[in-house]
Amino acid sequence: MRIGDQEAEIVGRGFTEQRLDTLRQRTEIVQANPHNGHVLVELRGESEISLLVRLLVHAGAEVEEVHRSRASLEDVFLTLM
């Protein structure tokens, strides 16, 4: 993760590999990985998370919550270690 990149945790149901592949094909997505009923999405720069939520819902997933965070200097350092 680079400084200024974003990470989003999307909570819900129906995050199949096919639906996640829809996200992964987008240029603003670095990675999208499922984990215990939610998806962790790493985004480049100032990407619009609302667009990603619409894509997931349109593909049939159910989104209940979205939490967004931005990479800090410490996050970047820990990623590099």
C-alpha atoms as a PDB file:
ATOM      1  CA  MET A   1       0.000   0.000   0.000  1.00  0.00           C
ATOM      2  CA  ARG A   2       1.232   3.512  -0.829  1.00  0.00           C
ATOM      3  CA  ILE A   3       0.585   6.720   1.077  1.00  0.00           C
ATOM      4  CA  GLY A   4      -2.710   8.149  -0.149  1.00  0.00           C
ATOM      5  CA  ASP A   5      -4.092   4.791  -1.233  1.00  0.00           C
ATOM      6  CA  GLN A   6      -7.341   3.703   0.348  1.00  0.00           C
ATOM      7  CA  GLU A   7      -8.586   0.493   1.859  1.00  0.00           C
ATOM      8  CA  ALA A   8     -12.250  -0.368   2.171  1.00  0.00           C
ATOM      9  CA  GLU A   9     -13.889  -3.086   4.210  1.00  0.00           C
ATOM     10  CA  ILE A  10     -17.218  -4.038   2.657  1.00  0.00           C
ATOM     11  CA  VAL A  11     -19.502  -6.093   4.908  1.00  0.00           C
ATOM     12  CA  GLY A  12     -22.344  -8.170   3.516  1.00  0.00           C
ATOM     13  CA  ARG A  13     -23.205 -11.438   1.771  1.00  0.00           C
ATOM     14  CA  GLY A  14     -22.822 -13.013  -1.634  1.00  0.00           C
ATOM     15  CA  PHE A  15     -19.214 -12.057  -2.315  1.00  0.00           C
ATOM     16  CA  THR A  16     -18.542 -14.869  -4.767  1.00  0.00           C
ATOM     17  CA  GLU A  17     -15.293 -15.140  -6.727  1.00  0.00           C
ATOM     18  CA  GLN A  18     -17.176 -14.164  -9.884  1.00  0.00           C
ATOM     19  CA  ARG A  19     -18.474 -10.976  -8.243  1.00  0.00           C
ATOM     20  CA  LEU A  20     -15.062 -10.156  -6.798  1.00  0.00           C
ATOM     21  CA  ASP A  21     -13.496 -10.691 -10.225  1.00  0.00           C
ATOM     22  CA  THR A  22     -15.802  -7.917 -11.470  1.00  0.00           C
ATOM     23  CA  LEU A  23     -14.043  -5.595  -9.004  1.00  0.00           C
ATOM     24  CA  ARG A  24     -10.563  -6.950  -9.685  1.00  0.00           C
ATOM     25  CA  GLN A  25     -10.885  -6.104 -13.388  1.00  0.00           C
ATOM     26  CA  ARG A  26     -11.151  -2.391 -12.596  1.00  0.00           C
ATOM     27  CA  THR A  27      -7.977  -0.338 -12.902  1.00  0.00           C
ATOM     28  CA  GLU A  28      -8.481   1.440  -9.570  1.00  0.00           C
ATOM     29  CA  ILE A  29      -8.478  -1.864  -7.649  1.00  0.00           C
ATOM     30  CA  VAL A  30      -5.143  -3.146  -6.362  1.00  0.00           C
ATOM     31  CA  GLN A  31      -6.702  -6.217  -4.742  1.00  0.00           C
ATOM     32  CA  ALA A  32     -10.021  -7.495  -3.394  1.00  0.00           C
ATOM     33  CA  ASN A  33      -9.970 -10.402  -0.945  1.00  0.00           C
ATOM     34  CA  PRO A  34     -12.854 -12.050   0.936  1.00  0.00           C
ATOM     35  CA  HIS A  35     -12.483 -12.642   4.669  1.00  0.00           C
ATOM     36  CA  ASN A  36     -15.182 -13.910   7.103  1.00  0.00           C
ATOM     37  CA  GLY A  37     -18.242 -12.314   5.511  1.00  0.00           C
ATOM     38  CA  HIS A  38     -16.555  -9.164   4.311  1.00  0.00           C
ATOM     39  CA  VAL A  39     -14.243  -8.065   1.530  1.00  0.00           C
ATOM     40  CA  LEU A  40     -11.060  -6.070   1.964  1.00  0.00           C
ATOM     41  CA  VAL A  41     -10.465  -3.873  -1.071  1.00  0.00           C
ATOM     42  CA  GLU A  42      -7.261  -1.932  -1.670  1.00  0.00           C
ATOM     43  CA  LEU A  43      -7.748   1.030  -4.016  1.00  0.00           C
ATOM     44  CA  ARG A  44      -5.366   3.322  -5.860  1.00  0.00           C
ATOM     45  CA  GLY A  45      -5.502   6.988  -4.883  1.00  0.00           C
ATOM     46  CA  GLU A  46      -8.846   8.770  -4.635  1.00  0.00           C
ATOM     47  CA  SER A  47     -11.106   6.054  -6.053  1.00  0.00           C
ATOM     48  CA  GLU A  48     -14.865   6.268  -5.575  1.00  0.00           C
ATOM     49  CA  ILE A  49     -15.943   3.507  -3.218  1.00  0.00           C
ATOM     50  CA  SER A  50     -19.625   4.147  -3.955  1.00  0.00           C
ATOM     51  CA  LEU A  51     -19.071   2.962  -7.539  1.00  0.00           C
ATOM     52  CA  LEU A  52     -17.633  -0.313  -6.260  1.00  0.00           C
ATOM     53  CA  VAL A  53     -20.616  -0.812  -3.963  1.00  0.00           C
ATOM     54  CA  ARG A  54     -22.987  -0.236  -6.905  1.00  0.00           C
ATOM     55  CA  LEU A  55     -21.073  -2.782  -8.993  1.00  0.00           C
ATOM     56  CA  LEU A  56     -21.300  -5.413  -6.251  1.00  0.00           C
ATOM     57  CA  VAL A  57     -25.016  -4.789  -5.649  1.00  0.00           C
ATOM     58  CA  HIS A  58     -25.752  -4.820  -9.387  1.00  0.00           C
ATOM     59  CA  ALA A  59     -23.910  -8.170  -9.616  1.00  0.00           C
ATOM     60  CA  GLY A  60     -26.159  -9.596  -6.862  1.00  0.00           C
ATOM     61  CA  ALA A  61     -24.153  -9.131  -3.656  1.00  0.00           C
ATOM     62  CA  GLU A  62     -25.771  -7.681  -0.527  1.00  0.00           C
ATOM     63  CA  VAL A  63     -23.825  -4.799   1.023  1.00  0.00           C
ATOM     64  CA  GLU A  64     -24.615  -3.908   4.644  1.00  0.00           C
ATOM     65  CA  GLU A  65     -21.701  -1.662   5.684  1.00  0.00           C
ATOM     66  CA  VAL A  66     -18.644   0.024   4.213  1.00  0.00           C
ATOM     67  CA  HIS A  67     -15.656   1.241   6.230  1.00  0.00           C
ATOM     68  CA  ARG A  68     -12.932   3.283   4.568  1.00  0.00           C
ATOM     69  CA  SER A  69      -9.391   4.048   5.680  1.00  0.00           C
ATOM     70  CA  ARG A  70      -6.372   5.708   4.103  1.00  0.00           C
ATOM     71  CA  ALA A  71      -2.818   4.373   4.263  1.00  0.00           C
ATOM     72  CA  SER A  72      -0.632   6.132   6.804  1.00  0.00           C
ATOM     73  CA  LEU A  73       3.138   6.286   6.771  1.00  0.00           C
ATOM     74  CA  GLU A  74       3.152   3.529   9.408  1.00  0.00           C
ATOM     75  CA  ASP A  75       0.882   1.305   7.263  1.00  0.00           C
ATOM     76  CA  VAL A  76       3.211   1.689   4.298  1.00  0.00           C
ATOM     77  CA  PHE A  77       6.261   0.933   6.440  1.00  0.00           C
ATOM     78  CA  LEU A  78       4.669  -2.216   7.887  1.00  0.00           C
ATOM     79  CA  THR A  79       3.667  -3.376   4.410  1.00  0.00           C
ATOM     80  CA  LEU A  80       7.268  -3.050   3.264  1.00  0.00           C
ATOM     81  CA  MET A  81       8.683  -4.978   6.234  1.00  0.00           C
END
